Amino acid sequence: MWGLLIDVGRWPEWGPSVRHATLATSRFELGSSGTVRTVVGLELPFEVTCFEEGRCWSWSVAGRPATDHVVEASGPDASRVAFGVPWIATPYLVVCRMALRRLDELGRREVGPPRVT
């Protein structure tokens, strides 16, 4: 799941508000920057403001704090993803819920059905 969250080329697959994203730096890490184009056509700069490999990252978009992304292991072959938003952006939680559903579907497709042992 972590790979889906940090691969900017795949953000449109799960992010309902993202049409396209480009990373301006060579790696996705603390301080990485790029641009994100929204579904309404706005192209905005972003910067990764917090980063813990395999666990979480946060960003600012157009200089404003945006979404936190967290991945937690919930079993040997499972993980849980959570988002956080600034209180001022509480209505954006509806979009986050859609994104989480899409991530779940993508994860299930890529990992496959649970293994029986």
N, C-alpha and C. Protein backbone atom coordinates (compact mmCIF):
# COMPACT_ATOMS: atom_id res chain seq x y z
N MET A 1 0.83 -1.20 0.00
CA MET A 1 0.00 0.00 0.00
C MET A 1 0.87 1.26 0.00
N TRP A 2 2.00 1.19 0.71
CA TRP A 2 2.89 2.34 0.78
C TRP A 2 3.29 2.80 -0.62
N GLY A 3 3.60 1.86 -1.50
CA GLY A 3 4.01 2.20 -2.85
C GLY A 3 2.96 3.01 -3.60
N LEU A 4 1.70 2.69 -3.41
CA LEU A 4 0.62 3.45 -4.05
C LEU A 4 0.57 4.89 -3.54
N LEU A 5 0.86 5.06 -2.26
CA LEU A 5 0.76 6.39 -1.66
C LEU A 5 1.90 7.31 -2.08
N ILE A 6 3.07 6.77 -2.38
CA ILE A 6 4.20 7.64 -2.71
C ILE A 6 4.51 7.69 -4.21
N ASP A 7 3.81 6.93 -5.02
CA ASP A 7 4.00 6.96 -6.48
C ASP A 7 3.09 8.03 -7.07
N VAL A 8 3.63 9.24 -7.30
CA VAL A 8 2.79 10.35 -7.76
C VAL A 8 2.11 10.06 -9.08
N GLY A 9 2.69 9.22 -9.91
CA GLY A 9 2.05 8.85 -11.17
C GLY A 9 0.77 8.06 -10.98
N ARG A 10 0.62 7.45 -9.82
CA ARG A 10 -0.58 6.65 -9.54
C ARG A 10 -1.62 7.39 -8.71
N TRP A 11 -1.30 8.61 -8.26
CA TRP A 11 -2.26 9.36 -7.46
C TRP A 11 -3.62 9.50 -8.14
N PRO A 12 -3.69 9.74 -9.45
CA PRO A 12 -5.03 9.86 -10.07
C PRO A 12 -5.87 8.58 -9.98
N GLU A 13 -5.22 7.44 -9.81
CA GLU A 13 -5.95 6.18 -9.71
C GLU A 13 -6.78 6.10 -8.42
N TRP A 14 -6.30 6.71 -7.37
CA TRP A 14 -7.02 6.63 -6.10
C TRP A 14 -7.46 7.98 -5.55
N GLY A 15 -6.86 9.06 -6.01
CA GLY A 15 -7.21 10.38 -5.50
C GLY A 15 -8.29 11.04 -6.34
N PRO A 16 -9.53 11.12 -5.85
CA PRO A 16 -10.62 11.69 -6.63
C PRO A 16 -10.40 13.13 -7.07
N SER A 17 -9.59 13.88 -6.36
CA SER A 17 -9.38 15.29 -6.72
C SER A 17 -8.13 15.50 -7.57
N VAL A 18 -7.41 14.42 -7.89
CA VAL A 18 -6.14 14.54 -8.63
C VAL A 18 -6.31 14.06 -10.07
N ARG A 19 -5.97 14.94 -10.99
CA ARG A 19 -5.97 14.57 -12.42
C ARG A 19 -4.57 14.10 -12.85
N HIS A 20 -3.53 14.75 -12.30
CA HIS A 20 -2.15 14.44 -12.69
C HIS A 20 -1.21 14.98 -11.61
N ALA A 21 -0.08 14.33 -11.43
CA ALA A 21 0.93 14.84 -10.49
C ALA A 21 2.31 14.54 -11.04
N THR A 22 3.23 15.44 -10.76
CA THR A 22 4.60 15.30 -11.22
C THR A 22 5.54 15.59 -10.07
N LEU A 23 6.53 14.75 -9.91
CA LEU A 23 7.55 14.94 -8.88
C LEU A 23 8.73 15.66 -9.51
N ALA A 24 9.16 16.77 -8.90
CA ALA A 24 10.27 17.56 -9.44
C ALA A 24 11.62 17.07 -8.91
N THR A 25 11.58 16.26 -7.86
CA THR A 25 12.80 15.74 -7.27
C THR A 25 12.96 14.28 -7.67
N SER A 26 14.15 13.72 -7.45
CA SER A 26 14.41 12.36 -7.92
C SER A 26 13.76 11.29 -7.04
N ARG A 27 13.53 11.61 -5.77
CA ARG A 27 12.92 10.64 -4.85
C ARG A 27 11.79 11.30 -4.08
N PHE A 28 10.84 10.48 -3.65
CA PHE A 28 9.76 10.96 -2.79
C PHE A 28 10.25 10.83 -1.36
N GLU A 29 10.52 11.97 -0.72
CA GLU A 29 11.06 12.00 0.62
C GLU A 29 10.79 13.37 1.24
N LEU A 30 11.23 13.57 2.46
CA LEU A 30 11.06 14.86 3.11
C LEU A 30 11.67 15.95 2.24
N GLY A 31 10.90 16.98 1.97
CA GLY A 31 11.37 18.10 1.15
C GLY A 31 11.11 17.93 -0.34
N SER A 32 10.67 16.74 -0.76
CA SER A 32 10.36 16.55 -2.18
C SER A 32 9.28 17.55 -2.60
N SER A 33 9.32 17.93 -3.86
CA SER A 33 8.33 18.88 -4.36
C SER A 33 7.88 18.46 -5.75
N GLY A 34 6.83 19.11 -6.20
CA GLY A 34 6.30 18.83 -7.52
C GLY A 34 5.05 19.65 -7.75
N THR A 35 4.26 19.19 -8.70
CA THR A 35 2.98 19.85 -8.98
C THR A 35 1.87 18.81 -9.02
N VAL A 36 0.70 19.25 -8.65
CA VAL A 36 -0.48 18.41 -8.72
C VAL A 36 -1.55 19.19 -9.49
N ARG A 37 -2.16 18.53 -10.47
CA ARG A 37 -3.25 19.15 -11.23
C ARG A 37 -4.55 18.55 -10.74
N THR A 38 -5.46 19.41 -10.33
CA THR A 38 -6.74 18.97 -9.79
C THR A 38 -7.71 18.63 -10.92
N VAL A 39 -8.81 18.01 -10.56
CA VAL A 39 -9.82 17.65 -11.56
C VAL A 39 -10.48 18.88 -12.17
N VAL A 40 -10.36 20.02 -11.52
CA VAL A 40 -10.92 21.26 -12.10
C VAL A 40 -9.87 22.03 -12.90
N GLY A 41 -8.67 21.44 -13.05
CA GLY A 41 -7.66 22.03 -13.92
C GLY A 41 -6.62 22.91 -13.26
N LEU A 42 -6.73 23.15 -11.96
CA LEU A 42 -5.71 23.96 -11.28
C LEU A 42 -4.43 23.16 -11.16
N GLU A 43 -3.31 23.78 -11.48
CA GLU A 43 -2.01 23.14 -11.28
C GLU A 43 -1.33 23.85 -10.11
N LEU A 44 -1.07 23.09 -9.05
CA LEU A 44 -0.59 23.66 -7.80
C LEU A 44 0.72 23.02 -7.36
N PRO A 45 1.62 23.80 -6.78
CA PRO A 45 2.85 23.22 -6.26
C PRO A 45 2.59 22.48 -4.95
N PHE A 46 3.37 21.43 -4.72
CA PHE A 46 3.29 20.73 -3.44
C PHE A 46 4.69 20.48 -2.90
N GLU A 47 4.75 20.26 -1.59
CA GLU A 47 6.00 19.89 -0.93
C GLU A 47 5.70 18.87 0.17
N VAL A 48 6.53 17.85 0.27
CA VAL A 48 6.40 16.86 1.33
C VAL A 48 6.99 17.47 2.60
N THR A 49 6.16 17.62 3.62
CA THR A 49 6.56 18.34 4.83
C THR A 49 6.87 17.42 6.01
N CYS A 50 6.51 16.17 5.92
CA CYS A 50 6.79 15.19 6.96
C CYS A 50 6.91 13.85 6.24
N PHE A 51 7.89 13.04 6.63
CA PHE A 51 8.10 11.77 5.93
C PHE A 51 8.77 10.78 6.85
N GLU A 52 8.16 9.61 6.99
CA GLU A 52 8.76 8.48 7.69
C GLU A 52 8.58 7.26 6.79
N GLU A 53 9.66 6.81 6.19
CA GLU A 53 9.64 5.73 5.19
C GLU A 53 8.76 4.56 5.63
N GLY A 54 7.84 4.18 4.74
CA GLY A 54 6.98 3.04 4.99
C GLY A 54 5.87 3.25 5.99
N ARG A 55 5.82 4.43 6.60
CA ARG A 55 4.84 4.67 7.67
C ARG A 55 3.91 5.84 7.43
N CYS A 56 4.47 7.04 7.11
CA CYS A 56 3.59 8.20 6.96
C CYS A 56 4.28 9.32 6.18
N TRP A 57 3.45 10.16 5.61
CA TRP A 57 3.92 11.40 4.99
C TRP A 57 2.80 12.42 4.98
N SER A 58 3.22 13.68 5.00
CA SER A 58 2.28 14.80 4.93
C SER A 58 2.79 15.76 3.89
N TRP A 59 1.90 16.62 3.44
CA TRP A 59 2.32 17.59 2.43
C TRP A 59 1.61 18.90 2.59
N SER A 60 2.17 19.90 1.92
CA SER A 60 1.47 21.18 1.78
C SER A 60 1.22 21.35 0.29
N VAL A 61 0.08 21.94 -0.02
CA VAL A 61 -0.29 22.21 -1.40
C VAL A 61 -0.52 23.71 -1.51
N ALA A 62 0.16 24.33 -2.45
CA ALA A 62 0.10 25.78 -2.62
C ALA A 62 0.42 26.50 -1.31
N GLY A 63 1.36 25.92 -0.55
CA GLY A 63 1.80 26.54 0.69
C GLY A 63 0.89 26.33 1.89
N ARG A 64 -0.18 25.57 1.72
CA ARG A 64 -1.13 25.31 2.81
C ARG A 64 -1.01 23.86 3.27
N PRO A 65 -1.05 23.60 4.59
CA PRO A 65 -1.04 22.21 5.06
C PRO A 65 -2.19 21.44 4.43
N ALA A 66 -1.88 20.23 3.99
CA ALA A 66 -2.90 19.40 3.33
C ALA A 66 -3.00 18.05 4.06
N THR A 67 -3.18 16.99 3.34
CA THR A 67 -3.48 15.68 3.90
C THR A 67 -2.28 14.99 4.53
N ASP A 68 -2.53 14.30 5.65
CA ASP A 68 -1.57 13.36 6.24
C ASP A 68 -1.94 11.97 5.72
N HIS A 69 -0.94 11.14 5.46
CA HIS A 69 -1.16 9.78 4.96
C HIS A 69 -0.42 8.83 5.90
N VAL A 70 -1.12 7.84 6.44
CA VAL A 70 -0.52 6.93 7.41
C VAL A 70 -0.82 5.48 7.00
N VAL A 71 0.21 4.64 7.08
CA VAL A 71 0.05 3.20 6.82
C VAL A 71 0.48 2.45 8.07
N GLU A 72 -0.37 1.54 8.53
CA GLU A 72 -0.05 0.71 9.69
C GLU A 72 -0.26 -0.75 9.32
N ALA A 73 0.66 -1.61 9.71
CA ALA A 73 0.49 -3.04 9.49
C ALA A 73 -0.67 -3.51 10.36
N SER A 74 -1.54 -4.34 9.78
CA SER A 74 -2.66 -4.88 10.56
C SER A 74 -2.70 -6.40 10.47
N GLY A 75 -1.63 -6.99 10.01
CA GLY A 75 -1.52 -8.44 9.88
C GLY A 75 -0.32 -8.75 9.03
N PRO A 76 -0.02 -10.03 8.84
CA PRO A 76 1.18 -10.39 8.07
C PRO A 76 1.15 -9.90 6.62
N ASP A 77 0.00 -9.89 6.01
CA ASP A 77 -0.12 -9.45 4.62
C ASP A 77 -1.16 -8.35 4.47
N ALA A 78 -1.37 -7.57 5.51
CA ALA A 78 -2.42 -6.55 5.46
C ALA A 78 -1.92 -5.25 6.09
N SER A 79 -2.52 -4.18 5.65
CA SER A 79 -2.19 -2.88 6.24
C SER A 79 -3.45 -2.04 6.30
N ARG A 80 -3.38 -1.04 7.13
CA ARG A 80 -4.48 -0.10 7.29
C ARG A 80 -3.95 1.27 6.88
N VAL A 81 -4.75 2.00 6.11
CA VAL A 81 -4.38 3.34 5.66
C VAL A 81 -5.34 4.33 6.28
N ALA A 82 -4.79 5.45 6.73
CA ALA A 82 -5.62 6.51 7.30
C ALA A 82 -5.15 7.85 6.75
N PHE A 83 -6.08 8.78 6.66
CA PHE A 83 -5.77 10.15 6.25
C PHE A 83 -6.16 11.09 7.37
N GLY A 84 -5.47 12.19 7.43
CA GLY A 84 -5.84 13.26 8.33
C GLY A 84 -5.86 14.56 7.55
N VAL A 85 -6.73 15.47 7.95
CA VAL A 85 -6.81 16.77 7.28
C VAL A 85 -6.84 17.87 8.33
N PRO A 86 -6.36 19.05 7.99
CA PRO A 86 -6.49 20.18 8.92
C PRO A 86 -7.96 20.44 9.24
N TRP A 87 -8.25 20.90 10.43
CA TRP A 87 -9.64 21.10 10.83
C TRP A 87 -10.40 22.00 9.88
N ILE A 88 -9.72 22.96 9.28
CA ILE A 88 -10.38 23.89 8.35
C ILE A 88 -10.86 23.18 7.08
N ALA A 89 -10.26 22.01 6.79
CA ALA A 89 -10.60 21.27 5.58
C ALA A 89 -11.47 20.05 5.88
N THR A 90 -12.16 20.05 6.99
CA THR A 90 -13.00 18.92 7.38
C THR A 90 -13.92 18.43 6.26
N PRO A 91 -14.52 19.30 5.44
CA PRO A 91 -15.37 18.78 4.34
C PRO A 91 -14.60 17.89 3.36
N TYR A 92 -13.28 18.04 3.31
CA TYR A 92 -12.46 17.22 2.40
C TYR A 92 -12.43 15.76 2.83
N LEU A 93 -12.89 15.45 4.04
CA LEU A 93 -12.92 14.07 4.50
C LEU A 93 -13.81 13.20 3.61
N VAL A 94 -14.80 13.78 2.97
CA VAL A 94 -15.65 13.03 2.03
C VAL A 94 -14.78 12.52 0.86
N VAL A 95 -13.92 13.37 0.35
CA VAL A 95 -13.01 12.99 -0.73
C VAL A 95 -12.02 11.93 -0.23
N CYS A 96 -11.54 12.09 1.00
CA CYS A 96 -10.61 11.12 1.58
C CYS A 96 -11.26 9.75 1.70
N ARG A 97 -12.50 9.72 2.07
CA ARG A 97 -13.22 8.44 2.18
C ARG A 97 -13.27 7.74 0.82
N MET A 98 -13.54 8.49 -0.23
CA MET A 98 -13.54 7.91 -1.58
C MET A 98 -12.15 7.39 -1.93
N ALA A 99 -11.12 8.14 -1.58
CA ALA A 99 -9.74 7.73 -1.87
C ALA A 99 -9.40 6.44 -1.14
N LEU A 100 -9.82 6.31 0.11
CA LEU A 100 -9.55 5.10 0.87
C LEU A 100 -10.23 3.88 0.24
N ARG A 101 -11.42 4.06 -0.25
CA ARG A 101 -12.11 2.95 -0.93
C ARG A 101 -11.35 2.54 -2.19
N ARG A 102 -10.90 3.54 -2.95
CA ARG A 102 -10.14 3.23 -4.17
C ARG A 102 -8.82 2.54 -3.84
N LEU A 103 -8.14 3.00 -2.80
CA LEU A 103 -6.89 2.35 -2.38
C LEU A 103 -7.14 0.90 -1.98
N ASP A 104 -8.22 0.66 -1.28
CA ASP A 104 -8.57 -0.69 -0.87
C ASP A 104 -8.77 -1.58 -2.09
N GLU A 105 -9.50 -1.08 -3.08
CA GLU A 105 -9.74 -1.85 -4.31
C GLU A 105 -8.43 -2.12 -5.04
N LEU A 106 -7.59 -1.10 -5.19
CA LEU A 106 -6.30 -1.27 -5.86
C LEU A 106 -5.42 -2.27 -5.12
N GLY A 107 -5.38 -2.15 -3.81
CA GLY A 107 -4.57 -3.06 -3.01
C GLY A 107 -5.02 -4.49 -3.15
N ARG A 108 -6.31 -4.71 -3.14
CA ARG A 108 -6.84 -6.07 -3.28
C ARG A 108 -6.52 -6.63 -4.66
N ARG A 109 -6.60 -5.80 -5.69
CA ARG A 109 -6.29 -6.25 -7.05
C ARG A 109 -4.82 -6.61 -7.19
N GLU A 110 -3.96 -5.81 -6.60
CA GLU A 110 -2.51 -6.01 -6.77
C GLU A 110 -1.96 -7.11 -5.90
N VAL A 111 -2.51 -7.28 -4.71
CA VAL A 111 -2.02 -8.31 -3.81
C VAL A 111 -2.71 -9.64 -4.11
N GLY A 112 -3.94 -9.56 -4.53
CA GLY A 112 -4.70 -10.78 -4.82
C GLY A 112 -5.52 -11.19 -3.61
N PRO A 113 -6.26 -12.28 -3.76
CA PRO A 113 -7.10 -12.74 -2.64
C PRO A 113 -6.23 -13.24 -1.49
N PRO A 114 -6.78 -13.25 -0.30
CA PRO A 114 -6.01 -13.75 0.85
C PRO A 114 -5.57 -15.20 0.62
N ARG A 115 -4.37 -15.50 1.11
CA ARG A 115 -3.85 -16.87 0.98
C ARG A 115 -4.38 -17.72 2.12
N VAL A 116 -4.72 -18.95 1.80
CA VAL A 116 -5.16 -19.89 2.81
C VAL A 116 -3.98 -20.82 3.10
N THR A 117 -3.62 -20.95 4.36
CA THR A 117 -2.50 -21.82 4.72
C THR A 117 -2.93 -22.92 5.65
